[in-house]
């Protein structure tokens, strides 16, 4: 496991970098979370949080998930 924050990676088999998230994972689809894989976590990591800004959300200023 890495200890440098630059080693932290998150990926998904559901879509690739810069692709749109497939509809299945949106409120217009099944509204389920996509599968995520984390790597490069510092030793001893017990919890993770992912915060995303969604500029395409149908709200005046987007939405933060």
PDB file of N, CA and C in Angstrom:
ATOM      1  N   UNK A   1       0.833  -1.186   0.000  1.00  0.00           N
ATOM      2  CA  UNK A   1       0.000   0.000   0.000  1.00  0.00           C
ATOM      3  C   UNK A   1       0.876   1.248   0.000  1.00  0.00           C
ATOM      4  N   UNK A   2       0.437   2.244  -0.737  1.00  0.00           N
ATOM      5  CA  UNK A   2       1.193   3.482  -0.822  1.00  0.00           C
ATOM      6  C   UNK A   2       1.004   4.365   0.395  1.00  0.00           C
ATOM      7  N   UNK A   3       1.899   5.312   0.571  1.00  0.00           N
ATOM      8  CA  UNK A   3       1.753   6.264   1.663  1.00  0.00           C
ATOM      9  C   UNK A   3       1.772   7.701   1.141  1.00  0.00           C
ATOM     10  N   UNK A   4       1.977   7.879  -0.154  1.00  0.00           N
ATOM     11  CA  UNK A   4       1.981   9.182  -0.773  1.00  0.00           C
ATOM     12  C   UNK A   4       0.590   9.448  -1.339  1.00  0.00           C
ATOM     13  N   UNK A   5      -0.033  10.596  -1.021  1.00  0.00           N
ATOM     14  CA  UNK A   5      -1.378  10.869  -1.558  1.00  0.00           C
ATOM     15  C   UNK A   5      -1.455  10.775  -3.080  1.00  0.00           C
ATOM     16  N   UNK A   6      -0.341  10.988  -3.765  1.00  0.00           N
ATOM     17  CA  UNK A   6      -0.324  10.880  -5.223  1.00  0.00           C
ATOM     18  C   UNK A   6      -0.517   9.433  -5.689  1.00  0.00           C
ATOM     19  N   UNK A   7      -0.347   8.466  -4.788  1.00  0.00           N
ATOM     20  CA  UNK A   7      -0.521   7.058  -5.128  1.00  0.00           C
ATOM     21  C   UNK A   7      -1.988   6.630  -5.112  1.00  0.00           C
ATOM     22  N   UNK A   8      -2.858   7.438  -4.504  1.00  0.00           N
ATOM     23  CA  UNK A   8      -4.268   7.086  -4.368  1.00  0.00           C
ATOM     24  C   UNK A   8      -4.943   7.073  -5.731  1.00  0.00           C
ATOM     25  N   UNK A   9      -5.629   5.971  -6.050  1.00  0.00           N
ATOM     26  CA  UNK A   9      -6.334   5.826  -7.324  1.00  0.00           C
ATOM     27  C   UNK A   9      -7.728   5.279  -7.067  1.00  0.00           C
ATOM     28  N   UNK A  10      -8.676   5.751  -7.853  1.00  0.00           N
ATOM     29  CA  UNK A  10     -10.026   5.206  -7.826  1.00  0.00           C
ATOM     30  C   UNK A  10     -10.396   4.904  -9.273  1.00  0.00           C
ATOM     31  N   UNK A  11     -11.013   3.752  -9.486  1.00  0.00           N
ATOM     32  CA  UNK A  11     -11.389   3.361 -10.839  1.00  0.00           C
ATOM     33  C   UNK A  11     -12.697   2.589 -10.800  1.00  0.00           C
ATOM     34  N   UNK A  12     -13.263   2.386 -11.978  1.00  0.00           N
ATOM     35  CA  UNK A  12     -14.495   1.621 -12.092  1.00  0.00           C
ATOM     36  C   UNK A  12     -14.477   0.863 -13.404  1.00  0.00           C
ATOM     37  N   UNK A  13     -14.973  -0.354 -13.367  1.00  0.00           N
ATOM     38  CA  UNK A  13     -15.114  -1.132 -14.599  1.00  0.00           C
ATOM     39  C   UNK A  13     -16.358  -0.710 -15.372  1.00  0.00           C
ATOM     40  N   UNK A  14     -17.207   0.147 -14.781  1.00  0.00           N
ATOM     41  CA  UNK A  14     -18.458   0.561 -15.409  1.00  0.00           C
ATOM     42  C   UNK A  14     -18.252   1.656 -16.460  1.00  0.00           C
ATOM     43  N   UNK A  15     -17.155   2.404 -16.369  1.00  0.00           N
ATOM     44  CA  UNK A  15     -16.876   3.482 -17.319  1.00  0.00           C
ATOM     45  C   UNK A  15     -15.408   3.841 -17.236  1.00  0.00           C
ATOM     46  N   UNK A  16     -14.915   4.592 -18.215  1.00  0.00           N
ATOM     47  CA  UNK A  16     -13.508   4.970 -18.230  1.00  0.00           C
ATOM     48  C   UNK A  16     -13.363   6.480 -17.989  1.00  0.00           C
ATOM     49  N   UNK A  17     -12.165   6.908 -17.763  1.00  0.00           N
ATOM     50  CA  UNK A  17     -11.863   8.306 -17.503  1.00  0.00           C
ATOM     51  C   UNK A  17     -12.429   9.195 -18.610  1.00  0.00           C
ATOM     52  N   UNK A  18     -13.091  10.253 -18.206  1.00  0.00           N
ATOM     53  CA  UNK A  18     -13.699  11.256 -19.071  1.00  0.00           C
ATOM     54  C   UNK A  18     -14.931  10.768 -19.831  1.00  0.00           C
ATOM     55  N   UNK A  19     -15.365   9.520 -19.610  1.00  0.00           N
ATOM     56  CA  UNK A  19     -16.622   9.041 -20.187  1.00  0.00           C
ATOM     57  C   UNK A  19     -17.778   9.471 -19.302  1.00  0.00           C
ATOM     58  N   UNK A  20     -18.961   9.557 -19.892  1.00  0.00           N
ATOM     59  CA  UNK A  20     -20.166   9.796 -19.098  1.00  0.00           C
ATOM     60  C   UNK A  20     -20.471   8.536 -18.296  1.00  0.00           C
ATOM     61  N   UNK A  21     -21.021   8.726 -17.120  1.00  0.00           N
ATOM     62  CA  UNK A  21     -21.449   7.584 -16.319  1.00  0.00           C
ATOM     63  C   UNK A  21     -22.654   6.960 -17.016  1.00  0.00           C
ATOM     64  N   UNK A  22     -22.661   5.647 -17.222  1.00  0.00           N
ATOM     65  CA  UNK A  22     -23.783   5.000 -17.889  1.00  0.00           C
ATOM     66  C   UNK A  22     -25.109   5.284 -17.169  1.00  0.00           C
ATOM     67  N   UNK A  23     -26.177   5.370 -17.949  1.00  0.00           N
ATOM     68  CA  UNK A  23     -27.496   5.733 -17.418  1.00  0.00           C
ATOM     69  C   UNK A  23     -27.927   4.845 -16.261  1.00  0.00           C
ATOM     70  N   UNK A  24     -27.519   3.582 -16.269  1.00  0.00           N
ATOM     71  CA  UNK A  24     -27.888   2.665 -15.176  1.00  0.00           C
ATOM     72  C   UNK A  24     -27.545   3.255 -13.806  1.00  0.00           C
ATOM     73  N   UNK A  25     -26.475   4.022 -13.744  1.00  0.00           N
ATOM     74  CA  UNK A  25     -25.997   4.556 -12.470  1.00  0.00           C
ATOM     75  C   UNK A  25     -26.510   5.971 -12.198  1.00  0.00           C
ATOM     76  N   UNK A  26     -27.556   6.382 -12.894  1.00  0.00           N
ATOM     77  CA  UNK A  26     -28.128   7.709 -12.712  1.00  0.00           C
ATOM     78  C   UNK A  26     -29.571   7.597 -12.228  1.00  0.00           C
ATOM     79  N   UNK A  27     -30.160   8.741 -11.897  1.00  0.00           N
ATOM     80  CA  UNK A  27     -31.561   8.740 -11.464  1.00  0.00           C
ATOM     81  C   UNK A  27     -32.506   8.407 -12.616  1.00  0.00           C
ATOM     82  N   UNK A  28     -32.025   8.464 -13.846  1.00  0.00           N
ATOM     83  CA  UNK A  28     -32.844   8.085 -15.004  1.00  0.00           C
ATOM     84  C   UNK A  28     -32.754   6.590 -15.292  1.00  0.00           C
ATOM     85  N   UNK A  29     -31.880   5.911 -14.592  1.00  0.00           N
ATOM     86  CA  UNK A  29     -31.718   4.470 -14.746  1.00  0.00           C
ATOM     87  C   UNK A  29     -32.094   3.762 -13.466  1.00  0.00           C
ATOM     88  N   UNK A  30     -31.250   2.823 -13.042  1.00  0.00           N
ATOM     89  CA  UNK A  30     -31.497   2.054 -11.814  1.00  0.00           C
ATOM     90  C   UNK A  30     -31.102   2.825 -10.554  1.00  0.00           C
ATOM     91  N   UNK A  31     -30.390   3.963 -10.735  1.00  0.00           N
ATOM     92  CA  UNK A  31     -29.971   4.798  -9.614  1.00  0.00           C
ATOM     93  C   UNK A  31     -29.163   4.022  -8.575  1.00  0.00           C
ATOM     94  N   UNK A  32     -28.270   3.178  -9.070  1.00  0.00           N
ATOM     95  CA  UNK A  32     -27.388   2.415  -8.182  1.00  0.00           C
ATOM     96  C   UNK A  32     -25.973   2.972  -8.307  1.00  0.00           C
ATOM     97  N   UNK A  33     -25.171   2.747  -7.300  1.00  0.00           N
ATOM     98  CA  UNK A  33     -23.786   3.206  -7.329  1.00  0.00           C
ATOM     99  C   UNK A  33     -22.960   2.331  -8.260  1.00  0.00           C
ATOM    100  N   UNK A  34     -22.062   2.923  -9.046  1.00  0.00           N
ATOM    101  CA  UNK A  34     -21.199   2.112  -9.892  1.00  0.00           C
ATOM    102  C   UNK A  34     -20.167   1.386  -9.030  1.00  0.00           C
ATOM    103  N   UNK A  35     -19.670   0.254  -9.507  1.00  0.00           N
ATOM    104  CA  UNK A  35     -18.624  -0.430  -8.755  1.00  0.00           C
ATOM    105  C   UNK A  35     -17.343   0.412  -8.776  1.00  0.00           C
ATOM    106  N   UNK A  36     -16.719   0.566  -7.620  1.00  0.00           N
ATOM    107  CA  UNK A  36     -15.492   1.355  -7.500  1.00  0.00           C
ATOM    108  C   UNK A  36     -14.377   0.496  -6.931  1.00  0.00           C
ATOM    109  N   UNK A  37     -13.170   0.744  -7.392  1.00  0.00           N
ATOM    110  CA  UNK A  37     -11.979   0.067  -6.864  1.00  0.00           C
ATOM    111  C   UNK A  37     -10.989   1.141  -6.424  1.00  0.00           C
ATOM    112  N   UNK A  38     -10.440   0.981  -5.244  1.00  0.00           N
ATOM    113  CA  UNK A  38      -9.487   1.926  -4.675  1.00  0.00           C
ATOM    114  C   UNK A  38      -8.131   1.252  -4.584  1.00  0.00           C
ATOM    115  N   UNK A  39      -7.069   1.994  -4.876  1.00  0.00           N
ATOM    116  CA  UNK A  39      -5.714   1.454  -4.715  1.00  0.00           C
ATOM    117  C   UNK A  39      -4.795   2.575  -4.228  1.00  0.00           C
ATOM    118  N   UNK A  40      -3.644   2.176  -3.722  1.00  0.00           N
ATOM    119  CA  UNK A  40      -2.672   3.144  -3.232  1.00  0.00           C
ATOM    120  C   UNK A  40      -3.042   3.779  -1.915  1.00  0.00           C
ATOM    121  N   UNK A  41      -3.887   3.100  -1.144  1.00  0.00           N
ATOM    122  CA  UNK A  41      -4.318   3.649   0.145  1.00  0.00           C
ATOM    123  C   UNK A  41      -3.186   3.603   1.162  1.00  0.00           C
ATOM    124  N   UNK A  42      -3.075   4.635   1.990  1.00  0.00           N
ATOM    125  CA  UNK A  42      -2.070   4.590   3.057  1.00  0.00           C
ATOM    126  C   UNK A  42      -2.354   3.431   4.020  1.00  0.00           C
ATOM    127  N   UNK A  43      -1.319   2.841   4.531  1.00  0.00           N
ATOM    128  CA  UNK A  43      -1.467   1.752   5.509  1.00  0.00           C
ATOM    129  C   UNK A  43      -2.323   2.230   6.665  1.00  0.00           C
ATOM    130  N   UNK A  44      -3.235   1.388   7.116  1.00  0.00           N
ATOM    131  CA  UNK A  44      -4.083   1.716   8.251  1.00  0.00           C
ATOM    132  C   UNK A  44      -5.371   2.438   7.878  1.00  0.00           C
ATOM    133  N   UNK A  45      -5.581   2.707   6.600  1.00  0.00           N
ATOM    134  CA  UNK A  45      -6.816   3.387   6.186  1.00  0.00           C
ATOM    135  C   UNK A  45      -8.012   2.543   6.592  1.00  0.00           C
ATOM    136  N   UNK A  46      -8.986   3.174   7.251  1.00  0.00           N
ATOM    137  CA  UNK A  46     -10.173   2.456   7.699  1.00  0.00           C
ATOM    138  C   UNK A  46     -11.443   2.936   7.022  1.00  0.00           C
ATOM    139  N   UNK A  47     -11.458   4.174   6.565  1.00  0.00           N
ATOM    140  CA  UNK A  47     -12.658   4.721   5.929  1.00  0.00           C
ATOM    141  C   UNK A  47     -12.255   5.604   4.762  1.00  0.00           C
ATOM    142  N   UNK A  48     -13.157   5.699   3.794  1.00  0.00           N
ATOM    143  CA  UNK A  48     -12.964   6.566   2.641  1.00  0.00           C
ATOM    144  C   UNK A  48     -14.249   7.335   2.373  1.00  0.00           C
ATOM    145  N   UNK A  49     -14.123   8.497   1.798  1.00  0.00           N
ATOM    146  CA  UNK A  49     -15.288   9.283   1.375  1.00  0.00           C
ATOM    147  C   UNK A  49     -15.010   9.810  -0.022  1.00  0.00           C
ATOM    148  N   UNK A  50     -16.018   9.762  -0.855  1.00  0.00           N
ATOM    149  CA  UNK A  50     -15.900  10.286  -2.208  1.00  0.00           C
ATOM    150  C   UNK A  50     -16.938  11.393  -2.372  1.00  0.00           C
ATOM    151  N   UNK A  51     -16.480  12.583  -2.694  1.00  0.00           N
ATOM    152  CA  UNK A  51     -17.371  13.726  -2.902  1.00  0.00           C
ATOM    153  C   UNK A  51     -17.216  14.147  -4.356  1.00  0.00           C
ATOM    154  N   UNK A  52     -18.337  14.280  -5.052  1.00  0.00           N
ATOM    155  CA  UNK A  52     -18.306  14.634  -6.475  1.00  0.00           C
ATOM    156  C   UNK A  52     -19.187  15.837  -6.742  1.00  0.00           C
ATOM    157  N   UNK A  53     -18.676  16.752  -7.536  1.00  0.00           N
ATOM    158  CA  UNK A  53     -19.480  17.881  -8.007  1.00  0.00           C
ATOM    159  C   UNK A  53     -20.039  17.501  -9.373  1.00  0.00           C
ATOM    160  N   UNK A  54     -21.327  17.667  -9.547  1.00  0.00           N
ATOM    161  CA  UNK A  54     -22.027  17.284 -10.770  1.00  0.00           C
ATOM    162  C   UNK A  54     -22.564  18.545 -11.454  1.00  0.00           C
ATOM    163  N   UNK A  55     -21.795  19.127 -12.386  1.00  0.00           N
ATOM    164  CA  UNK A  55     -22.237  20.361 -13.023  1.00  0.00           C
ATOM    165  C   UNK A  55     -23.417  20.156 -13.967  1.00  0.00           C
ATOM    166  N   UNK A  56     -23.695  18.910 -14.366  1.00  0.00           N
ATOM    167  CA  UNK A  56     -24.802  18.623 -15.285  1.00  0.00           C
ATOM    168  C   UNK A  56     -26.120  18.360 -14.574  1.00  0.00           C
ATOM    169  N   UNK A  57     -26.118  18.365 -13.255  1.00  0.00           N
ATOM    170  CA  UNK A  57     -27.359  18.118 -12.511  1.00  0.00           C
ATOM    171  C   UNK A  57     -28.380  19.205 -12.842  1.00  0.00           C
ATOM    172  N   UNK A  58     -29.652  18.856 -12.854  1.00  0.00           N
ATOM    173  CA  UNK A  58     -30.682  19.836 -13.222  1.00  0.00           C
ATOM    174  C   UNK A  58     -30.989  20.821 -12.096  1.00  0.00           C
ATOM    175  N   UNK A  59     -29.974  21.507 -11.655  1.00  0.00           N
ATOM    176  CA  UNK A  59     -30.099  22.516 -10.615  1.00  0.00           C
ATOM    177  C   UNK A  59     -29.293  23.726 -11.074  1.00  0.00           C
ATOM    178  N   UNK A  60     -29.627  24.919 -10.615  1.00  0.00           N
ATOM    179  CA  UNK A  60     -28.946  26.132 -11.103  1.00  0.00           C
ATOM    180  C   UNK A  60     -27.420  26.102 -10.987  1.00  0.00           C
ATOM    181  N   UNK A  61     -26.901  25.505  -9.942  1.00  0.00           N
ATOM    182  CA  UNK A  61     -25.447  25.470  -9.728  1.00  0.00           C
ATOM    183  C   UNK A  61     -24.898  24.058  -9.685  1.00  0.00           C
ATOM    184  N   UNK A  62     -25.594  23.121 -10.312  1.00  0.00           N
ATOM    185  CA  UNK A  62     -25.139  21.735 -10.260  1.00  0.00           C
ATOM    186  C   UNK A  62     -25.503  21.124  -8.912  1.00  0.00           C
ATOM    187  N   UNK A  63     -24.838  20.039  -8.593  1.00  0.00           N
ATOM    188  CA  UNK A  63     -25.135  19.328  -7.337  1.00  0.00           C
ATOM    189  C   UNK A  63     -23.874  18.660  -6.837  1.00  0.00           C
ATOM    190  N   UNK A  64     -23.670  18.669  -5.543  1.00  0.00           N
ATOM    191  CA  UNK A  64     -22.543  17.970  -4.927  1.00  0.00           C
ATOM    192  C   UNK A  64     -23.071  16.699  -4.280  1.00  0.00           C
ATOM    193  N   UNK A  65     -22.533  15.568  -4.708  1.00  0.00           N
ATOM    194  CA  UNK A  65     -22.928  14.262  -4.165  1.00  0.00           C
ATOM    195  C   UNK A  65     -22.010  13.907  -3.012  1.00  0.00           C
TER     196      UNK A  65
END
